[in-house]
ModelCIF file with pLDDT and N, C-alpha, C, O atoms, coordinates in Angstrom:
data_MODEL
#
_entry.id   MODEL 
#
_entity.id                         1 
_entity.type                       polymer 
_entity.pdbx_number_of_molecules   1 
#
_entity_poly.entity_id                      1 
_entity_poly.type                           'polypeptide(L)' 
_entity_poly.nstd_linkage                   no 
_entity_poly.nstd_monomer                   no 
_entity_poly.pdbx_seq_one_letter_code       LIPTVALGVPGGVGMAVLMSGFTILGVVPGPSMLNQHLDAVFAMALVI 
_entity_poly.pdbx_seq_one_letter_code_can   LIPTVALGVPGGVGMAVLMSGFTILGVVPGPSMLNQHLDAVFAMALVI 
_entity_poly.pdbx_strand_id                 A 
#
loop_
_entity_poly_seq.entity_id 
_entity_poly_seq.num 
_entity_poly_seq.mon_id 
_entity_poly_seq.hetero 
1 1  LEU n 
1 2  ILE n 
1 3  PRO n 
1 4  THR n 
1 5  VAL n 
1 6  ALA n 
1 7  LEU n 
1 8  GLY n 
1 9  VAL n 
1 10 PRO n 
1 11 GLY n 
1 12 GLY n 
1 13 VAL n 
1 14 GLY n 
1 15 MET n 
1 16 ALA n 
1 17 VAL n 
1 18 LEU n 
1 19 MET n 
1 20 SER n 
1 21 GLY n 
1 22 PHE n 
1 23 THR n 
1 24 ILE n 
1 25 LEU n 
1 26 GLY n 
1 27 VAL n 
1 28 VAL n 
1 29 PRO n 
1 30 GLY n 
1 31 PRO n 
1 32 SER n 
1 33 MET n 
1 34 LEU n 
1 35 ASN n 
1 36 GLN n 
1 37 HIS n 
1 38 LEU n 
1 39 ASP n 
1 40 ALA n 
1 41 VAL n 
1 42 PHE n 
1 43 ALA n 
1 44 MET n 
1 45 ALA n 
1 46 LEU n 
1 47 VAL n 
1 48 ILE n 
#
_struct_asym.id          A 
_struct_asym.entity_id   1 
#
loop_
_ma_qa_metric.id 
_ma_qa_metric.mode 
_ma_qa_metric.name 
_ma_qa_metric.software_group_id 
_ma_qa_metric.type 
1 global pLDDT . pLDDT 
2 local  pLDDT . pLDDT 
#
_ma_qa_metric_global.metric_id      1 
_ma_qa_metric_global.metric_value   83.40 
_ma_qa_metric_global.model_id       1 
_ma_qa_metric_global.ordinal_id     1 
#
loop_
_ma_qa_metric_local.label_asym_id 
_ma_qa_metric_local.label_comp_id 
_ma_qa_metric_local.label_seq_id 
_ma_qa_metric_local.metric_id 
_ma_qa_metric_local.metric_value 
_ma_qa_metric_local.model_id 
_ma_qa_metric_local.ordinal_id 
A LEU 1  2 86.00 1 1  
A ILE 2  2 84.00 1 2  
A PRO 3  2 82.00 1 3  
A THR 4  2 84.00 1 4  
A VAL 5  2 85.00 1 5  
A ALA 6  2 80.00 1 6  
A LEU 7  2 76.00 1 7  
A GLY 8  2 78.00 1 8  
A VAL 9  2 76.00 1 9  
A PRO 10 2 76.00 1 10 
A GLY 11 2 69.00 1 11 
A GLY 12 2 71.00 1 12 
A VAL 13 2 73.00 1 13 
A GLY 14 2 79.00 1 14 
A MET 15 2 82.00 1 15 
A ALA 16 2 79.00 1 16 
A VAL 17 2 83.00 1 17 
A LEU 18 2 87.00 1 18 
A MET 19 2 85.00 1 19 
A SER 20 2 85.00 1 20 
A GLY 21 2 88.00 1 21 
A PHE 22 2 88.00 1 22 
A THR 23 2 85.00 1 23 
A ILE 24 2 87.00 1 24 
A LEU 25 2 89.00 1 25 
A GLY 26 2 87.00 1 26 
A VAL 27 2 87.00 1 27 
A VAL 28 2 83.00 1 28 
A PRO 29 2 83.00 1 29 
A GLY 30 2 76.00 1 30 
A PRO 31 2 76.00 1 31 
A SER 32 2 78.00 1 32 
A MET 33 2 82.00 1 33 
A LEU 34 2 80.00 1 34 
A ASN 35 2 81.00 1 35 
A GLN 36 2 84.00 1 36 
A HIS 37 2 85.00 1 37 
A LEU 38 2 86.00 1 38 
A ASP 39 2 88.00 1 39 
A ALA 40 2 88.00 1 40 
A VAL 41 2 88.00 1 41 
A PHE 42 2 89.00 1 42 
A ALA 43 2 91.00 1 43 
A MET 44 2 90.00 1 44 
A ALA 45 2 90.00 1 45 
A LEU 46 2 91.00 1 46 
A VAL 47 2 92.00 1 47 
A ILE 48 2 91.00 1 48 
#
loop_
_atom_site.group_PDB 
_atom_site.id 
_atom_site.type_symbol 
_atom_site.label_atom_id 
_atom_site.label_alt_id 
_atom_site.label_comp_id 
_atom_site.label_asym_id 
_atom_site.label_entity_id 
_atom_site.label_seq_id 
_atom_site.pdbx_PDB_ins_code 
_atom_site.Cartn_x 
_atom_site.Cartn_y 
_atom_site.Cartn_z 
_atom_site.occupancy 
_atom_site.B_iso_or_equiv 
_atom_site.pdbx_formal_charge 
_atom_site.auth_seq_id 
_atom_site.auth_comp_id 
_atom_site.auth_asym_id 
_atom_site.auth_atom_id 
_atom_site.pdbx_PDB_model_num 
ATOM 1   N N  . LEU A 1 1  ? 100.964 109.690 87.198  1.00 86.00 ? 1  LEU A N  1 
ATOM 2   C CA . LEU A 1 1  ? 101.595 110.239 88.394  1.00 86.00 ? 1  LEU A CA 1 
ATOM 3   C C  . LEU A 1 1  ? 100.902 111.513 88.880  1.00 86.00 ? 1  LEU A C  1 
ATOM 4   O O  . LEU A 1 1  ? 100.962 111.833 90.068  1.00 86.00 ? 1  LEU A O  1 
ATOM 5   N N  . ILE A 1 2  ? 100.247 112.241 87.978  1.00 84.00 ? 2  ILE A N  1 
ATOM 6   C CA . ILE A 1 2  ? 99.653  113.532 88.355  1.00 84.00 ? 2  ILE A CA 1 
ATOM 7   C C  . ILE A 1 2  ? 98.565  113.365 89.411  1.00 84.00 ? 2  ILE A C  1 
ATOM 8   O O  . ILE A 1 2  ? 98.675  113.981 90.471  1.00 84.00 ? 2  ILE A O  1 
ATOM 9   N N  . PRO A 1 3  ? 97.503  112.555 89.180  1.00 82.00 ? 3  PRO A N  1 
ATOM 10  C CA . PRO A 1 3  ? 96.506  112.389 90.257  1.00 82.00 ? 3  PRO A CA 1 
ATOM 11  C C  . PRO A 1 3  ? 97.055  111.615 91.448  1.00 82.00 ? 3  PRO A C  1 
ATOM 12  O O  . PRO A 1 3  ? 96.611  111.816 92.578  1.00 82.00 ? 3  PRO A O  1 
ATOM 13  N N  . THR A 1 4  ? 98.021  110.728 91.202  1.00 84.00 ? 4  THR A N  1 
ATOM 14  C CA . THR A 1 4  ? 98.596  109.936 92.296  1.00 84.00 ? 4  THR A CA 1 
ATOM 15  C C  . THR A 1 4  ? 99.328  110.826 93.284  1.00 84.00 ? 4  THR A C  1 
ATOM 16  O O  . THR A 1 4  ? 99.149  110.694 94.495  1.00 84.00 ? 4  THR A O  1 
ATOM 17  N N  . VAL A 1 5  ? 100.152 111.732 92.771  1.00 85.00 ? 5  VAL A N  1 
ATOM 18  C CA . VAL A 1 5  ? 100.966 112.596 93.619  1.00 85.00 ? 5  VAL A CA 1 
ATOM 19  C C  . VAL A 1 5  ? 100.156 113.757 94.178  1.00 85.00 ? 5  VAL A C  1 
ATOM 20  O O  . VAL A 1 5  ? 100.244 114.062 95.368  1.00 85.00 ? 5  VAL A O  1 
ATOM 21  N N  . ALA A 1 6  ? 99.366  114.407 93.324  1.00 80.00 ? 6  ALA A N  1 
ATOM 22  C CA . ALA A 1 6  ? 98.679  115.635 93.738  1.00 80.00 ? 6  ALA A CA 1 
ATOM 23  C C  . ALA A 1 6  ? 97.461  115.367 94.611  1.00 80.00 ? 6  ALA A C  1 
ATOM 24  O O  . ALA A 1 6  ? 97.170  116.138 95.525  1.00 80.00 ? 6  ALA A O  1 
ATOM 25  N N  . LEU A 1 7  ? 96.738  114.263 94.331  1.00 76.00 ? 7  LEU A N  1 
ATOM 26  C CA . LEU A 1 7  ? 95.458  114.037 95.011  1.00 76.00 ? 7  LEU A CA 1 
ATOM 27  C C  . LEU A 1 7  ? 95.424  112.744 95.822  1.00 76.00 ? 7  LEU A C  1 
ATOM 28  O O  . LEU A 1 7  ? 94.482  112.509 96.579  1.00 76.00 ? 7  LEU A O  1 
ATOM 29  N N  . GLY A 1 8  ? 96.455  111.900 95.665  1.00 78.00 ? 8  GLY A N  1 
ATOM 30  C CA . GLY A 1 8  ? 96.439  110.624 96.364  1.00 78.00 ? 8  GLY A CA 1 
ATOM 31  C C  . GLY A 1 8  ? 95.465  109.637 95.780  1.00 78.00 ? 8  GLY A C  1 
ATOM 32  O O  . GLY A 1 8  ? 95.038  108.705 96.462  1.00 78.00 ? 8  GLY A O  1 
ATOM 33  N N  . VAL A 1 9  ? 95.104  109.827 94.518  1.00 76.00 ? 9  VAL A N  1 
ATOM 34  C CA . VAL A 1 9  ? 94.195  108.912 93.816  1.00 76.00 ? 9  VAL A CA 1 
ATOM 35  C C  . VAL A 1 9  ? 94.971  108.254 92.677  1.00 76.00 ? 9  VAL A C  1 
ATOM 36  O O  . VAL A 1 9  ? 95.315  108.932 91.710  1.00 76.00 ? 9  VAL A O  1 
ATOM 37  N N  . PRO A 1 10 ? 95.254  106.964 92.761  1.00 76.00 ? 10 PRO A N  1 
ATOM 38  C CA . PRO A 1 10 ? 96.065  106.310 91.723  1.00 76.00 ? 10 PRO A CA 1 
ATOM 39  C C  . PRO A 1 10 ? 95.351  106.267 90.386  1.00 76.00 ? 10 PRO A C  1 
ATOM 40  O O  . PRO A 1 10 ? 94.152  105.996 90.314  1.00 76.00 ? 10 PRO A O  1 
ATOM 41  N N  . GLY A 1 11 ? 96.103  106.539 89.324  1.00 69.00 ? 11 GLY A N  1 
ATOM 42  C CA . GLY A 1 11 ? 95.518  106.548 87.995  1.00 69.00 ? 11 GLY A CA 1 
ATOM 43  C C  . GLY A 1 11 ? 95.345  105.162 87.397  1.00 69.00 ? 11 GLY A C  1 
ATOM 44  O O  . GLY A 1 11 ? 94.570  104.999 86.455  1.00 69.00 ? 11 GLY A O  1 
ATOM 45  N N  . GLY A 1 12 ? 96.039  104.166 87.912  1.00 71.00 ? 12 GLY A N  1 
ATOM 46  C CA . GLY A 1 12 ? 95.941  102.817 87.378  1.00 71.00 ? 12 GLY A CA 1 
ATOM 47  C C  . GLY A 1 12 ? 96.461  101.817 88.394  1.00 71.00 ? 12 GLY A C  1 
ATOM 48  O O  . GLY A 1 12 ? 96.765  102.175 89.532  1.00 71.00 ? 12 GLY A O  1 
ATOM 49  N N  . VAL A 1 13 ? 96.561  100.558 87.975  1.00 73.00 ? 13 VAL A N  1 
ATOM 50  C CA . VAL A 1 13 ? 96.957  99.490  88.890  1.00 73.00 ? 13 VAL A CA 1 
ATOM 51  C C  . VAL A 1 13 ? 98.389  99.680  89.370  1.00 73.00 ? 13 VAL A C  1 
ATOM 52  O O  . VAL A 1 13 ? 98.670  99.542  90.560  1.00 73.00 ? 13 VAL A O  1 
ATOM 53  N N  . GLY A 1 14 ? 99.302  100.000 88.439  1.00 79.00 ? 14 GLY A N  1 
ATOM 54  C CA . GLY A 1 14 ? 100.692 100.206 88.821  1.00 79.00 ? 14 GLY A CA 1 
ATOM 55  C C  . GLY A 1 14 ? 100.849 101.321 89.835  1.00 79.00 ? 14 GLY A C  1 
ATOM 56  O O  . GLY A 1 14 ? 101.620 101.202 90.787  1.00 79.00 ? 14 GLY A O  1 
ATOM 57  N N  . MET A 1 15 ? 100.110 102.416 89.627  1.00 82.00 ? 15 MET A N  1 
ATOM 58  C CA . MET A 1 15 ? 100.187 103.532 90.565  1.00 82.00 ? 15 MET A CA 1 
ATOM 59  C C  . MET A 1 15 ? 99.562  103.166 91.909  1.00 82.00 ? 15 MET A C  1 
ATOM 60  O O  . MET A 1 15 ? 99.965  103.705 92.940  1.00 82.00 ? 15 MET A O  1 
ATOM 61  N N  . ALA A 1 16 ? 98.587  102.261 91.914  1.00 79.00 ? 16 ALA A N  1 
ATOM 62  C CA . ALA A 1 16 ? 98.005  101.805 93.185  1.00 79.00 ? 16 ALA A CA 1 
ATOM 63  C C  . ALA A 1 16 ? 99.057  101.073 94.014  1.00 79.00 ? 16 ALA A C  1 
ATOM 64  O O  . ALA A 1 16 ? 99.150  101.272 95.226  1.00 79.00 ? 16 ALA A O  1 
ATOM 65  N N  . VAL A 1 17 ? 99.845  100.228 93.357  1.00 83.00 ? 17 VAL A N  1 
ATOM 66  C CA . VAL A 1 17 ? 100.911 99.515  94.067  1.00 83.00 ? 17 VAL A CA 1 
ATOM 67  C C  . VAL A 1 17 ? 102.016 100.494 94.466  1.00 83.00 ? 17 VAL A C  1 
ATOM 68  O O  . VAL A 1 17 ? 102.611 100.357 95.535  1.00 83.00 ? 17 VAL A O  1 
ATOM 69  N N  . LEU A 1 18 ? 102.292 101.488 93.604  1.00 87.00 ? 18 LEU A N  1 
ATOM 70  C CA . LEU A 1 18 ? 103.287 102.505 93.956  1.00 87.00 ? 18 LEU A CA 1 
ATOM 71  C C  . LEU A 1 18 ? 102.851 103.275 95.198  1.00 87.00 ? 18 LEU A C  1 
ATOM 72  O O  . LEU A 1 18 ? 103.683 103.635 96.031  1.00 87.00 ? 18 LEU A O  1 
ATOM 73  N N  . MET A 1 19 ? 101.540 103.530 95.325  1.00 85.00 ? 19 MET A N  1 
ATOM 74  C CA . MET A 1 19 ? 101.039 104.175 96.532  1.00 85.00 ? 19 MET A CA 1 
ATOM 75  C C  . MET A 1 19 ? 101.241 103.298 97.760  1.00 85.00 ? 19 MET A C  1 
ATOM 76  O O  . MET A 1 19 ? 101.415 103.812 98.865  1.00 85.00 ? 19 MET A O  1 
ATOM 77  N N  . SER A 1 20 ? 101.221 101.992 97.580  1.00 85.00 ? 20 SER A N  1 
ATOM 78  C CA . SER A 1 20 ? 101.570 101.104 98.690  1.00 85.00 ? 20 SER A CA 1 
ATOM 79  C C  . SER A 1 20 ? 103.008 101.361 99.118  1.00 85.00 ? 20 SER A C  1 
ATOM 80  O O  . SER A 1 20 ? 103.328 101.349 100.307 1.00 85.00 ? 20 SER A O  1 
ATOM 81  N N  . GLY A 1 21 ? 103.872 101.595 98.127  1.00 88.00 ? 21 GLY A N  1 
ATOM 82  C CA . GLY A 1 21 ? 105.251 101.953 98.433  1.00 88.00 ? 21 GLY A CA 1 
ATOM 83  C C  . GLY A 1 21 ? 105.337 103.269 99.179  1.00 88.00 ? 21 GLY A C  1 
ATOM 84  O O  . GLY A 1 21 ? 106.151 103.410 100.092 1.00 88.00 ? 21 GLY A O  1 
ATOM 85  N N  . PHE A 1 22 ? 104.507 104.242 98.803  1.00 88.00 ? 22 PHE A N  1 
ATOM 86  C CA . PHE A 1 22 ? 104.458 105.514 99.538  1.00 88.00 ? 22 PHE A CA 1 
ATOM 87  C C  . PHE A 1 22 ? 104.143 105.263 101.014 1.00 88.00 ? 22 PHE A C  1 
ATOM 88  O O  . PHE A 1 22 ? 104.767 105.837 101.906 1.00 88.00 ? 22 PHE A O  1 
ATOM 89  N N  . THR A 1 23 ? 103.155 104.388 101.246 1.00 85.00 ? 23 THR A N  1 
ATOM 90  C CA . THR A 1 23 ? 102.750 104.088 102.625 1.00 85.00 ? 23 THR A CA 1 
ATOM 91  C C  . THR A 1 23 ? 103.897 103.486 103.415 1.00 85.00 ? 23 THR A C  1 
ATOM 92  O O  . THR A 1 23 ? 104.135 103.866 104.562 1.00 85.00 ? 23 THR A O  1 
ATOM 93  N N  . ILE A 1 24 ? 104.609 102.549 102.803 1.00 87.00 ? 24 ILE A N  1 
ATOM 94  C CA . ILE A 1 24 ? 105.745 101.909 103.476 1.00 87.00 ? 24 ILE A CA 1 
ATOM 95  C C  . ILE A 1 24 ? 106.831 102.927 103.807 1.00 87.00 ? 24 ILE A C  1 
ATOM 96  O O  . ILE A 1 24 ? 107.462 102.846 104.861 1.00 87.00 ? 24 ILE A O  1 
ATOM 97  N N  . LEU A 1 25 ? 107.047 103.883 102.906 1.00 89.00 ? 25 LEU A N  1 
ATOM 98  C CA . LEU A 1 25 ? 108.099 104.885 103.076 1.00 89.00 ? 25 LEU A CA 1 
ATOM 99  C C  . LEU A 1 25 ? 107.657 106.060 103.935 1.00 89.00 ? 25 LEU A C  1 
ATOM 100 O O  . LEU A 1 25 ? 108.465 106.935 104.248 1.00 89.00 ? 25 LEU A O  1 
ATOM 101 N N  . GLY A 1 26 ? 106.380 106.090 104.322 1.00 87.00 ? 26 GLY A N  1 
ATOM 102 C CA . GLY A 1 26 ? 105.887 107.181 105.147 1.00 87.00 ? 26 GLY A CA 1 
ATOM 103 C C  . GLY A 1 26 ? 105.614 108.457 104.380 1.00 87.00 ? 26 GLY A C  1 
ATOM 104 O O  . GLY A 1 26 ? 105.610 109.543 104.961 1.00 87.00 ? 26 GLY A O  1 
ATOM 105 N N  . VAL A 1 27 ? 105.386 108.341 103.083 1.00 87.00 ? 27 VAL A N  1 
ATOM 106 C CA . VAL A 1 27 ? 105.103 109.499 102.229 1.00 87.00 ? 27 VAL A CA 1 
ATOM 107 C C  . VAL A 1 27 ? 103.596 109.587 102.009 1.00 87.00 ? 27 VAL A C  1 
ATOM 108 O O  . VAL A 1 27 ? 102.966 108.612 101.600 1.00 87.00 ? 27 VAL A O  1 
ATOM 109 N N  . VAL A 1 28 ? 103.025 110.749 102.279 1.00 83.00 ? 28 VAL A N  1 
ATOM 110 C CA . VAL A 1 28 ? 101.580 110.949 102.117 1.00 83.00 ? 28 VAL A CA 1 
ATOM 111 C C  . VAL A 1 28 ? 101.342 111.791 100.867 1.00 83.00 ? 28 VAL A C  1 
ATOM 112 O O  . VAL A 1 28 ? 101.730 112.958 100.833 1.00 83.00 ? 28 VAL A O  1 
ATOM 113 N N  . PRO A 1 29 ? 100.705 111.216 99.830  1.00 83.00 ? 29 PRO A N  1 
ATOM 114 C CA . PRO A 1 29 ? 100.443 111.997 98.614  1.00 83.00 ? 29 PRO A CA 1 
ATOM 115 C C  . PRO A 1 29 ? 99.536  113.184 98.894  1.00 83.00 ? 29 PRO A C  1 
ATOM 116 O O  . PRO A 1 29 ? 98.783  113.191 99.869  1.00 83.00 ? 29 PRO A O  1 
ATOM 117 N N  . GLY A 1 30 ? 99.615  114.187 98.030  1.00 76.00 ? 30 GLY A N  1 
ATOM 118 C CA . GLY A 1 30 ? 98.805  115.382 98.195  1.00 76.00 ? 30 GLY A CA 1 
ATOM 119 C C  . GLY A 1 30 ? 99.645  116.553 98.672  1.00 76.00 ? 30 GLY A C  1 
ATOM 120 O O  . GLY A 1 30 ? 100.835 116.627 98.365  1.00 76.00 ? 30 GLY A O  1 
ATOM 121 N N  . PRO A 1 31 ? 99.041  117.476 99.425  1.00 76.00 ? 31 PRO A N  1 
ATOM 122 C CA . PRO A 1 31 ? 99.772  118.662 99.880  1.00 76.00 ? 31 PRO A CA 1 
ATOM 123 C C  . PRO A 1 31 ? 101.038 118.322 100.658 1.00 76.00 ? 31 PRO A C  1 
ATOM 124 O O  . PRO A 1 31 ? 102.061 118.992 100.520 1.00 76.00 ? 31 PRO A O  1 
ATOM 125 N N  . SER A 1 32 ? 100.959 117.257 101.490 1.00 78.00 ? 32 SER A N  1 
ATOM 126 C CA . SER A 1 32 ? 102.120 116.879 102.287 1.00 78.00 ? 32 SER A CA 1 
ATOM 127 C C  . SER A 1 32 ? 103.304 116.486 101.405 1.00 78.00 ? 32 SER A C  1 
ATOM 128 O O  . SER A 1 32 ? 104.441 116.875 101.673 1.00 78.00 ? 32 SER A O  1 
ATOM 129 N N  . MET A 1 33 ? 103.030 115.713 100.349 1.00 82.00 ? 33 MET A N  1 
ATOM 130 C CA . MET A 1 33 ? 104.118 115.285 99.473  1.00 82.00 ? 33 MET A CA 1 
ATOM 131 C C  . MET A 1 33 ? 104.690 116.453 98.685  1.00 82.00 ? 33 MET A C  1 
ATOM 132 O O  . MET A 1 33 ? 105.904 116.543 98.500  1.00 82.00 ? 33 MET A O  1 
ATOM 133 N N  . LEU A 1 34 ? 103.816 117.354 98.215  1.00 80.00 ? 34 LEU A N  1 
ATOM 134 C CA . LEU A 1 34 ? 104.291 118.491 97.430  1.00 80.00 ? 34 LEU A CA 1 
ATOM 135 C C  . LEU A 1 34 ? 105.068 119.486 98.291  1.00 80.00 ? 34 LEU A C  1 
ATOM 136 O O  . LEU A 1 34 ? 105.895 120.239 97.776  1.00 80.00 ? 34 LEU A O  1 
ATOM 137 N N  . ASN A 1 35 ? 104.807 119.492 99.587  1.00 81.00 ? 35 ASN A N  1 
ATOM 138 C CA . ASN A 1 35 ? 105.531 120.399 100.472 1.00 81.00 ? 35 ASN A CA 1 
ATOM 139 C C  . ASN A 1 35 ? 106.805 119.777 101.035 1.00 81.00 ? 35 ASN A C  1 
ATOM 140 O O  . ASN A 1 35 ? 107.836 120.442 101.129 1.00 81.00 ? 35 ASN A O  1 
ATOM 141 N N  . GLN A 1 36 ? 106.731 118.502 101.408 1.00 84.00 ? 36 GLN A N  1 
ATOM 142 C CA . GLN A 1 36 ? 107.855 117.869 102.095 1.00 84.00 ? 36 GLN A CA 1 
ATOM 143 C C  . GLN A 1 36 ? 108.720 117.006 101.188 1.00 84.00 ? 36 GLN A C  1 
ATOM 144 O O  . GLN A 1 36 ? 109.896 116.795 101.482 1.00 84.00 ? 36 GLN A O  1 
ATOM 145 N N  . HIS A 1 37 ? 108.162 116.503 100.091 1.00 85.00 ? 37 HIS A N  1 
ATOM 146 C CA . HIS A 1 37 ? 108.914 115.587 99.228  1.00 85.00 ? 37 HIS A CA 1 
ATOM 147 C C  . HIS A 1 37 ? 108.810 116.001 97.758  1.00 85.00 ? 37 HIS A C  1 
ATOM 148 O O  . HIS A 1 37 ? 108.730 115.150 96.872  1.00 85.00 ? 37 HIS A O  1 
ATOM 149 N N  . LEU A 1 38 ? 108.812 117.303 97.510  1.00 86.00 ? 38 LEU A N  1 
ATOM 150 C CA . LEU A 1 38 ? 108.736 117.764 96.125  1.00 86.00 ? 38 LEU A CA 1 
ATOM 151 C C  . LEU A 1 38 ? 109.943 117.290 95.319  1.00 86.00 ? 38 LEU A C  1 
ATOM 152 O O  . LEU A 1 38 ? 109.832 117.047 94.118  1.00 86.00 ? 38 LEU A O  1 
ATOM 153 N N  . ASP A 1 39 ? 111.094 117.157 95.976  1.00 88.00 ? 39 ASP A N  1 
ATOM 154 C CA . ASP A 1 39 ? 112.280 116.652 95.282  1.00 88.00 ? 39 ASP A CA 1 
ATOM 155 C C  . ASP A 1 39 ? 112.052 115.236 94.763  1.00 88.00 ? 39 ASP A C  1 
ATOM 156 O O  . ASP A 1 39 ? 112.563 114.875 93.703  1.00 88.00 ? 39 ASP A O  1 
ATOM 157 N N  . ALA A 1 40 ? 111.281 114.424 95.510  1.00 88.00 ? 40 ALA A N  1 
ATOM 158 C CA . ALA A 1 40 ? 110.997 113.062 95.074  1.00 88.00 ? 40 ALA A CA 1 
ATOM 159 C C  . ALA A 1 40 ? 110.117 113.051 93.826  1.00 88.00 ? 40 ALA A C  1 
ATOM 160 O O  . ALA A 1 40 ? 110.249 112.166 92.981  1.00 88.00 ? 40 ALA A O  1 
ATOM 161 N N  . VAL A 1 41 ? 109.220 114.031 93.710  1.00 88.00 ? 41 VAL A N  1 
ATOM 162 C CA . VAL A 1 41 ? 108.353 114.110 92.526  1.00 88.00 ? 41 VAL A CA 1 
ATOM 163 C C  . VAL A 1 41 ? 109.196 114.367 91.282  1.00 88.00 ? 41 VAL A C  1 
ATOM 164 O O  . VAL A 1 41 ? 109.010 113.706 90.260  1.00 88.00 ? 41 VAL A O  1 
ATOM 165 N N  . PHE A 1 42 ? 110.113 115.313 91.359  1.00 89.00 ? 42 PHE A N  1 
ATOM 166 C CA . PHE A 1 42 ? 110.990 115.586 90.227  1.00 89.00 ? 42 PHE A CA 1 
ATOM 167 C C  . PHE A 1 42 ? 111.907 114.398 89.940  1.00 89.00 ? 42 PHE A C  1 
ATOM 168 O O  . PHE A 1 42 ? 112.199 114.100 88.782  1.00 89.00 ? 42 PHE A O  1 
ATOM 169 N N  . ALA A 1 43 ? 112.355 113.727 90.986  1.00 91.00 ? 43 ALA A N  1 
ATOM 170 C CA . ALA A 1 43 ? 113.208 112.550 90.795  1.00 91.00 ? 43 ALA A CA 1 
ATOM 171 C C  . ALA A 1 43 ? 112.448 111.444 90.070  1.00 91.00 ? 43 ALA A C  1 
ATOM 172 O O  . ALA A 1 43 ? 113.017 110.760 89.219  1.00 91.00 ? 43 ALA A O  1 
ATOM 173 N N  . MET A 1 44 ? 111.153 111.259 90.401  1.00 90.00 ? 44 MET A N  1 
ATOM 174 C CA . MET A 1 44 ? 110.360 110.227 89.733  1.00 90.00 ? 44 MET A CA 1 
ATOM 175 C C  . MET A 1 44 ? 110.213 110.518 88.243  1.00 90.00 ? 44 MET A C  1 
ATOM 176 O O  . MET A 1 44 ? 110.237 109.603 87.420  1.00 90.00 ? 44 MET A O  1 
ATOM 177 N N  . ALA A 1 45 ? 110.060 111.801 87.898  1.00 90.00 ? 45 ALA A N  1 
ATOM 178 C CA . ALA A 1 45 ? 109.986 112.166 86.478  1.00 90.00 ? 45 ALA A CA 1 
ATOM 179 C C  . ALA A 1 45 ? 111.283 111.798 85.773  1.00 90.00 ? 45 ALA A C  1 
ATOM 180 O O  . ALA A 1 45 ? 111.259 111.291 84.651  1.00 90.00 ? 45 ALA A O  1 
ATOM 181 N N  . LEU A 1 46 ? 112.425 112.052 86.429  1.00 91.00 ? 46 LEU A N  1 
ATOM 182 C CA . LEU A 1 46 ? 113.716 111.708 85.823  1.00 91.00 ? 46 LEU A CA 1 
ATOM 183 C C  . LEU A 1 46 ? 113.890 110.194 85.715  1.00 91.00 ? 46 LEU A C  1 
ATOM 184 O O  . LEU A 1 46 ? 114.485 109.706 84.755  1.00 91.00 ? 46 LEU A O  1 
ATOM 185 N N  . VAL A 1 47 ? 113.376 109.451 86.692  1.00 92.00 ? 47 VAL A N  1 
ATOM 186 C CA . VAL A 1 47 ? 113.456 107.983 86.643  1.00 92.00 ? 47 VAL A CA 1 
ATOM 187 C C  . VAL A 1 47 ? 112.736 107.450 85.414  1.00 92.00 ? 47 VAL A C  1 
ATOM 188 O O  . VAL A 1 47 ? 113.244 106.557 84.736  1.00 92.00 ? 47 VAL A O  1 
ATOM 189 N N  . ILE A 1 48 ? 111.550 107.994 85.120  1.00 91.00 ? 48 ILE A N  1 
ATOM 190 C CA . ILE A 1 48 ? 110.803 107.548 83.938  1.00 91.00 ? 48 ILE A CA 1 
ATOM 191 C C  . ILE A 1 48 ? 111.609 107.814 82.671  1.00 91.00 ? 48 ILE A C  1 
ATOM 192 O O  . ILE A 1 48 ? 111.149 107.508 81.571  1.00 91.00 ? 48 ILE A O  1 
#
C-alpha cells in the first residue's frame, strides 16, 4: 500500500487492480490522495 498510495505505483498485481478501483472512485494516488483522502488511507489499514 505504501508505494501504491504515496506514489501511485502498485506494489503487486492485487494493488494494480485496487488502483483500478481508485480510478473508478475518482481517487488519485499520491499528493492528492494524501491531502483529500487521508482518512481513506487510515481506513484501509484498519480494513487489513
